[in-house]
Amino acid sequence: MTNIPTDLLRTLVAVVDLRSFTKAAASLGLTQPAVSAQIKRLQFLLGGDVFDRSVQGVSLTQHGEMVVSYARRLLAINDQIVHLGNYGPRQELVVRIGTCSDYIASVLPGTLARFRERWPDVCFVVRTDTYDPLLRDLRNGALDVMIGISISLPTDAYRSWAEEVVWVRGGKTRIDEDQPIRLVSYGDPCAYHRLAVNALREAGLQWEDVFIGPSITTLAGVVSIGLGIMPISRRIASEVGMTIWEDAPLPKLPDVYCGVHVREGGARAAYEQLADEITVALQAAPVGAPKLVAVNKSHKASPAA
């Protein structure tokens, strides 16, 4: 049996993820000739090329794509074994998490604390932003895990599911047919706002943004005093105590999709375990089971909605 050293596989994955022999060498603490030598040795052991020499840059052959896929799995298992066995000193791992929602960010601490009990060398950096900048940072390697909300199914997310969207209002809120619908939201980049505007436009209704706020607490307070109505998921509305307008004289809103994305490379085993636990936490709110529409483990980033 031919045994393939994991350091050769790790070098291959680094070259593929960073799209450069030079950058891979820097990330691994090697020289570029050493990286080239490891790739040559790996190809010798495999009995074929993994990179397509007829194409400029870093491009895999069909054989190479299969090798990289298996290599990621082997390295993930290797890293898990090393972690469980606690062999030797370990470096602190900083996991960078991005989310589109301050509500989602508020759900994370308990999950992160439980995760750190099993991975005591892990620390976290969590930030919120709109979907497109987060996705760009994930693809560029500036984020490790991303929780995004989009108006279309993120087919390449690590985990994804649909969430029902409803209208919420204050106790005395009424609709004046002669006046534009007064919207409260996170603003134009937000998936909820985009869904609402599309639905109102298709129904031939006018609207105006009467309040744009930075947090679910602020928005819930504005809605409760009757300044306007707001589109939000049923799950979040129930969690924060907002009044759902079940029989609203407004168009029914389509679902939004929540996707948990994991970046290529890095401590993939840790990222995937954390992504699984975040998914469970986000689906655990006592509103009934979410409509799970997709569960996949593609290693590609989702296209922006």
Protein backbone atom coordinates (compact mmCIF):
# COMPACT_ATOMS: atom_id res chain seq x y z
CA MET A 1 0.00 0.00 0.00
CA THR A 2 1.21 3.49 -0.82
CA ASN A 3 0.89 5.92 2.09
CA ILE A 4 0.53 9.58 1.21
CA PRO A 5 1.98 11.95 3.86
CA THR A 6 -0.56 14.45 5.09
CA ASP A 7 1.91 17.31 4.72
CA LEU A 8 1.83 16.77 0.94
CA LEU A 9 -1.96 16.90 0.94
CA ARG A 10 -1.94 20.03 3.13
CA THR A 11 0.42 21.73 0.70
CA LEU A 12 -1.82 20.80 -2.23
CA VAL A 13 -4.91 22.21 -0.52
CA ALA A 14 -3.04 25.41 0.40
CA VAL A 15 -1.99 25.95 -3.22
CA VAL A 16 -5.56 25.41 -4.42
CA ASP A 17 -7.15 27.62 -1.77
CA LEU A 18 -4.68 30.48 -2.19
CA ARG A 19 -4.41 30.07 -5.99
CA SER A 20 -0.66 30.55 -5.74
CA PHE A 21 2.46 28.51 -5.00
CA THR A 22 4.11 31.60 -3.51
CA LYS A 23 1.23 32.40 -1.14
CA ALA A 24 0.94 28.74 -0.15
CA ALA A 25 4.63 28.68 0.69
CA ALA A 26 4.28 31.77 2.89
CA SER A 27 1.24 30.37 4.70
CA LEU A 28 3.00 27.06 5.40
CA GLY A 29 6.34 28.56 6.38
CA LEU A 30 8.11 26.95 3.41
CA THR A 31 10.04 28.18 0.41
CA GLN A 32 8.41 28.13 -3.01
CA PRO A 33 10.88 25.47 -4.28
CA ALA A 34 9.93 23.30 -1.29
CA VAL A 35 6.24 23.62 -2.17
CA SER A 36 6.97 22.73 -5.80
CA ALA A 37 9.00 19.73 -4.67
CA GLN A 38 6.17 18.50 -2.43
CA ILE A 39 3.67 18.78 -5.28
CA LYS A 40 6.00 16.85 -7.59
CA ARG A 41 6.40 14.13 -4.97
CA LEU A 42 2.64 13.95 -4.46
CA GLN A 43 2.06 13.62 -8.21
CA PHE A 44 4.69 10.87 -8.35
CA LEU A 45 2.89 8.95 -5.59
CA LEU A 46 -0.46 9.44 -7.32
CA GLY A 47 0.87 8.51 -10.74
CA GLY A 48 -0.53 11.54 -12.52
CA ASP A 49 -0.75 15.33 -12.68
CA VAL A 50 -3.09 17.19 -10.34
CA PHE A 51 -2.58 20.57 -12.05
CA ASP A 52 -3.43 21.32 -15.65
CA ARG A 53 -0.21 22.58 -17.22
CA SER A 54 -1.99 23.74 -20.38
CA VAL A 55 -3.86 26.43 -18.45
CA GLN A 56 -2.23 29.53 -17.00
CA GLY A 57 -2.36 29.87 -13.23
CA VAL A 58 -3.52 27.27 -10.72
CA SER A 59 -6.02 24.99 -12.43
CA LEU A 60 -6.79 21.41 -11.44
CA THR A 61 -7.17 18.45 -13.72
CA GLN A 62 -10.26 16.29 -13.28
CA HIS A 63 -8.06 13.85 -11.39
CA GLY A 64 -6.75 16.72 -9.28
CA GLU A 65 -10.24 17.87 -8.32
CA MET A 66 -11.01 14.41 -6.97
CA VAL A 67 -7.70 14.31 -5.08
CA VAL A 68 -8.37 17.71 -3.44
CA SER A 69 -11.85 16.63 -2.42
CA TYR A 70 -10.52 13.53 -0.68
CA ALA A 71 -7.56 15.46 0.73
CA ARG A 72 -9.87 17.89 2.52
CA ARG A 73 -11.69 15.01 4.16
CA LEU A 74 -8.46 13.29 5.22
CA LEU A 75 -7.01 16.50 6.65
CA ALA A 76 -10.21 17.25 8.55
CA ILE A 77 -10.10 13.79 10.14
CA ASN A 78 -6.39 14.20 10.86
CA ASP A 79 -7.01 17.52 12.62
CA GLN A 80 -9.85 16.06 14.65
CA ILE A 81 -7.64 13.16 15.80
CA VAL A 82 -4.88 15.58 16.79
CA HIS A 83 -7.37 17.71 18.72
CA LEU A 84 -8.95 14.77 20.55
CA GLY A 85 -5.60 13.28 21.43
CA ASN A 86 -4.22 16.64 22.61
CA TYR A 87 -0.81 15.73 21.18
CA GLY A 88 1.65 18.51 21.85
CA PRO A 89 1.08 22.26 22.10
CA ARG A 90 -1.73 23.79 20.06
CA GLN A 91 -1.99 27.30 18.76
CA GLU A 92 -5.00 29.42 19.59
CA LEU A 93 -7.57 29.36 16.80
CA VAL A 94 -9.55 32.54 16.13
CA VAL A 95 -12.84 31.84 14.33
CA ARG A 96 -14.23 34.90 12.54
CA ILE A 97 -18.02 34.87 12.21
CA GLY A 98 -20.18 37.24 10.19
CA THR A 99 -23.96 37.57 10.32
CA CYS A 100 -26.56 39.77 8.63
CA SER A 101 -28.71 40.02 11.74
CA ASP A 102 -28.11 41.43 15.21
CA TYR A 103 -30.77 39.00 16.43
CA ILE A 104 -28.74 36.06 15.13
CA ALA A 105 -25.64 37.54 16.75
CA SER A 106 -27.51 37.62 20.07
CA VAL A 107 -28.33 33.89 19.75
CA LEU A 108 -24.69 32.88 19.21
CA PRO A 109 -23.02 33.37 22.65
CA GLY A 110 -24.49 30.23 24.24
CA THR A 111 -23.52 28.12 21.24
CA LEU A 112 -20.00 29.56 21.17
CA ALA A 113 -19.53 28.98 24.90
CA ARG A 114 -20.55 25.32 24.60
CA PHE A 115 -18.31 24.89 21.56
CA ARG A 116 -15.33 26.30 23.45
CA GLU A 117 -15.79 23.73 26.21
CA ARG A 118 -14.74 21.09 23.66
CA TRP A 119 -12.29 23.33 21.77
CA PRO A 120 -10.69 25.32 24.61
CA ASP A 121 -8.07 26.85 22.30
CA VAL A 122 -10.74 28.61 20.19
CA CYS A 123 -11.63 32.30 20.39
CA PHE A 124 -14.28 34.16 18.40
CA VAL A 125 -14.74 37.44 16.59
CA VAL A 126 -18.36 38.17 15.60
CA ARG A 127 -19.51 41.08 13.46
CA THR A 128 -22.67 42.08 11.63
CA ASP A 129 -22.92 43.57 8.15
CA THR A 130 -25.06 43.34 5.04
CA TYR A 131 -25.07 40.20 2.89
CA ASP A 132 -22.79 41.20 0.02
CA PRO A 133 -19.82 42.49 2.08
CA LEU A 134 -19.98 39.39 4.31
CA LEU A 135 -20.04 37.08 1.32
CA ARG A 136 -17.11 38.90 -0.24
CA ASP A 137 -15.11 38.59 2.99
CA LEU A 138 -15.93 34.87 3.20
CA ARG A 139 -14.65 34.31 -0.32
CA ASN A 140 -11.52 36.33 0.38
CA GLY A 141 -10.76 34.37 3.54
CA ALA A 142 -11.48 37.28 5.92
CA LEU A 143 -14.36 35.32 7.49
CA ASP A 144 -14.48 31.66 8.48
CA VAL A 145 -18.23 31.20 9.05
CA MET A 146 -21.08 33.34 7.72
CA ILE A 147 -24.77 33.30 8.58
CA GLY A 148 -26.61 35.03 5.75
CA ILE A 149 -30.24 35.85 5.02
CA SER A 150 -31.22 36.03 1.35
CA ILE A 151 -34.34 36.16 -0.79
CA SER A 152 -33.26 33.18 -2.91
CA LEU A 153 -32.09 29.72 -1.89
CA PRO A 154 -28.30 29.74 -1.29
CA THR A 155 -27.64 26.45 -3.04
CA ASP A 156 -23.94 26.44 -2.15
CA ALA A 157 -24.35 27.10 1.58
CA TYR A 158 -23.07 24.46 4.00
CA ARG A 159 -26.52 24.41 5.62
CA SER A 160 -29.67 26.24 4.50
CA TRP A 161 -33.39 26.39 5.27
CA ALA A 162 -36.46 28.54 4.65
CA GLU A 163 -38.08 30.85 7.19
CA GLU A 164 -41.65 32.18 6.98
CA VAL A 165 -41.88 35.97 6.78
CA VAL A 166 -44.82 37.86 8.30
CA TRP A 167 -46.01 41.42 8.82
CA VAL A 168 -45.81 42.77 12.37
CA ARG A 169 -47.54 45.85 13.78
CA GLY A 170 -48.38 47.80 16.90
CA GLY A 171 -51.71 47.29 18.68
CA LYS A 172 -53.36 50.37 17.10
CA THR A 173 -51.77 50.21 13.65
CA ARG A 174 -54.18 50.61 10.77
CA ILE A 175 -53.78 50.82 6.99
CA ASP A 176 -54.99 54.01 5.29
CA GLU A 177 -55.79 53.15 1.68
CA ASP A 178 -55.14 56.75 0.64
CA GLN A 179 -51.67 56.84 2.14
CA PRO A 180 -48.46 54.94 1.37
CA ILE A 181 -47.70 51.88 3.50
CA ARG A 182 -45.32 52.98 6.26
CA LEU A 183 -42.38 50.58 6.46
CA VAL A 184 -40.02 49.99 9.37
CA SER A 185 -36.90 47.93 8.58
CA TYR A 186 -33.15 47.52 8.63
CA GLY A 187 -33.02 49.34 5.28
CA ASP A 188 -32.66 48.59 1.60
CA PRO A 189 -29.83 45.97 1.74
CA CYS A 190 -31.91 43.84 4.14
CA ALA A 191 -33.62 40.77 2.63
CA TYR A 192 -36.83 41.46 4.60
CA HIS A 193 -37.06 44.98 3.22
CA ARG A 194 -36.45 43.77 -0.33
CA LEU A 195 -39.17 41.11 -0.01
CA ALA A 196 -41.66 43.65 1.32
CA VAL A 197 -40.94 46.22 -1.38
CA ASN A 198 -41.23 43.60 -4.13
CA ALA A 199 -44.53 42.31 -2.74
CA LEU A 200 -46.01 45.80 -2.37
CA ARG A 201 -44.88 46.81 -5.83
CA GLU A 202 -46.40 43.70 -7.41
CA ALA A 203 -49.67 44.45 -5.57
CA GLY A 204 -49.69 48.01 -6.93
CA LEU A 205 -49.32 49.56 -3.47
CA GLN A 206 -47.28 52.62 -2.53
CA TRP A 207 -44.89 52.63 0.46
CA GLU A 208 -42.48 54.86 2.31
CA ASP A 209 -39.59 54.11 4.66
CA VAL A 210 -40.61 55.87 7.84
CA PHE A 211 -37.90 54.34 10.03
CA ILE A 212 -34.64 52.49 9.35
CA GLY A 213 -32.89 51.15 12.42
CA PRO A 214 -29.79 49.19 13.40
CA SER A 215 -31.20 46.60 15.82
CA ILE A 216 -34.22 44.37 16.32
CA THR A 217 -34.79 45.92 19.77
CA THR A 218 -35.05 49.42 18.30
CA LEU A 219 -37.23 48.29 15.40
CA ALA A 220 -39.58 46.34 17.67
CA GLY A 221 -40.02 49.43 19.84
CA VAL A 222 -40.80 51.63 16.83
CA VAL A 223 -43.35 49.12 15.52
CA SER A 224 -45.02 48.78 18.95
CA ILE A 225 -45.83 52.51 19.12
CA GLY A 226 -47.53 52.35 15.71
CA LEU A 227 -45.06 54.31 13.58
CA GLY A 228 -45.18 51.67 10.86
CA ILE A 229 -45.32 47.99 9.99
CA MET A 230 -42.39 45.67 9.52
CA PRO A 231 -41.58 42.44 7.62
CA ILE A 232 -39.69 39.88 9.72
CA SER A 233 -39.51 36.12 10.15
CA ARG A 234 -42.20 34.52 12.28
CA ARG A 235 -39.49 32.95 14.41
CA ILE A 236 -37.86 36.27 15.31
CA ALA A 237 -41.21 38.03 15.79
CA SER A 238 -42.28 35.37 18.28
CA GLU A 239 -38.94 35.39 20.09
CA VAL A 240 -38.86 39.17 20.67
CA GLY A 241 -42.59 39.50 21.41
CA MET A 242 -43.73 41.40 18.31
CA THR A 243 -47.39 41.32 17.29
CA ILE A 244 -47.88 39.28 14.12
CA TRP A 245 -50.57 40.68 11.81
CA GLU A 246 -52.11 37.40 10.68
CA ASP A 247 -54.98 38.92 8.67
CA ALA A 248 -53.16 41.98 7.37
CA PRO A 249 -54.77 43.61 4.29
CA LEU A 250 -51.43 43.30 2.57
CA PRO A 251 -49.82 40.86 0.13
CA LYS A 252 -48.51 37.65 1.66
CA LEU A 253 -44.74 37.67 1.91
CA PRO A 254 -42.58 34.86 0.48
CA ASP A 255 -40.03 33.01 2.58
CA VAL A 256 -36.49 34.15 3.21
CA TYR A 257 -33.61 31.71 3.28
CA CYS A 258 -31.06 31.38 6.02
CA GLY A 259 -27.71 29.92 5.01
CA VAL A 260 -24.69 28.98 7.10
CA HIS A 261 -21.56 29.20 4.97
CA VAL A 262 -18.06 27.86 5.70
CA ARG A 263 -14.95 29.15 3.98
CA GLU A 264 -12.48 27.05 2.05
CA GLY A 265 -9.29 26.03 3.81
CA GLY A 266 -8.29 26.83 7.37
CA ALA A 267 -9.46 24.69 10.29
CA ARG A 268 -12.24 23.17 8.23
CA ALA A 269 -13.18 20.51 10.80
CA ALA A 270 -13.73 23.14 13.49
CA TYR A 271 -15.66 25.44 11.13
CA GLU A 272 -18.03 22.67 10.03
CA GLN A 273 -18.72 21.50 13.58
CA LEU A 274 -19.46 25.07 14.62
CA ALA A 275 -21.69 25.60 11.56
CA ASP A 276 -23.70 22.51 12.50
CA GLU A 277 -24.18 23.75 16.06
CA ILE A 278 -25.15 27.26 14.92
CA THR A 279 -27.75 25.70 12.61
CA VAL A 280 -29.25 23.71 15.48
CA ALA A 281 -29.32 26.81 17.71
CA LEU A 282 -31.03 28.96 15.09
CA GLN A 283 -33.68 26.32 14.47
CA ALA A 284 -34.34 25.73 18.17
CA ALA A 285 -36.61 28.72 18.80
CA PRO A 286 -40.03 27.47 20.02
CA VAL A 287 -42.03 28.38 16.94
CA GLY A 288 -42.39 24.95 15.35
CA ALA A 289 -40.06 23.23 12.97
CA PRO A 290 -38.52 25.36 10.22
CA LYS A 291 -39.05 24.40 6.61
CA LEU A 292 -35.72 22.70 5.93
CA VAL A 293 -35.24 23.05 2.20
CA ALA A 294 -31.61 22.19 1.68
CA VAL A 295 -28.78 20.57 3.52
CA ASN A 296 -25.53 20.34 1.62
CA LYS A 297 -21.82 20.45 2.25
CA SER A 298 -20.55 22.14 -0.88
CA HIS A 299 -17.19 23.84 -0.40
CA LYS A 300 -18.19 26.83 -2.53
CA ALA A 301 -19.45 30.18 -1.37
CA SER A 302 -23.06 31.07 -2.12
CA PRO A 303 -23.84 33.63 -4.83
CA ALA A 304 -25.21 36.89 -3.49
CA ALA A 305 -28.96 37.20 -3.44
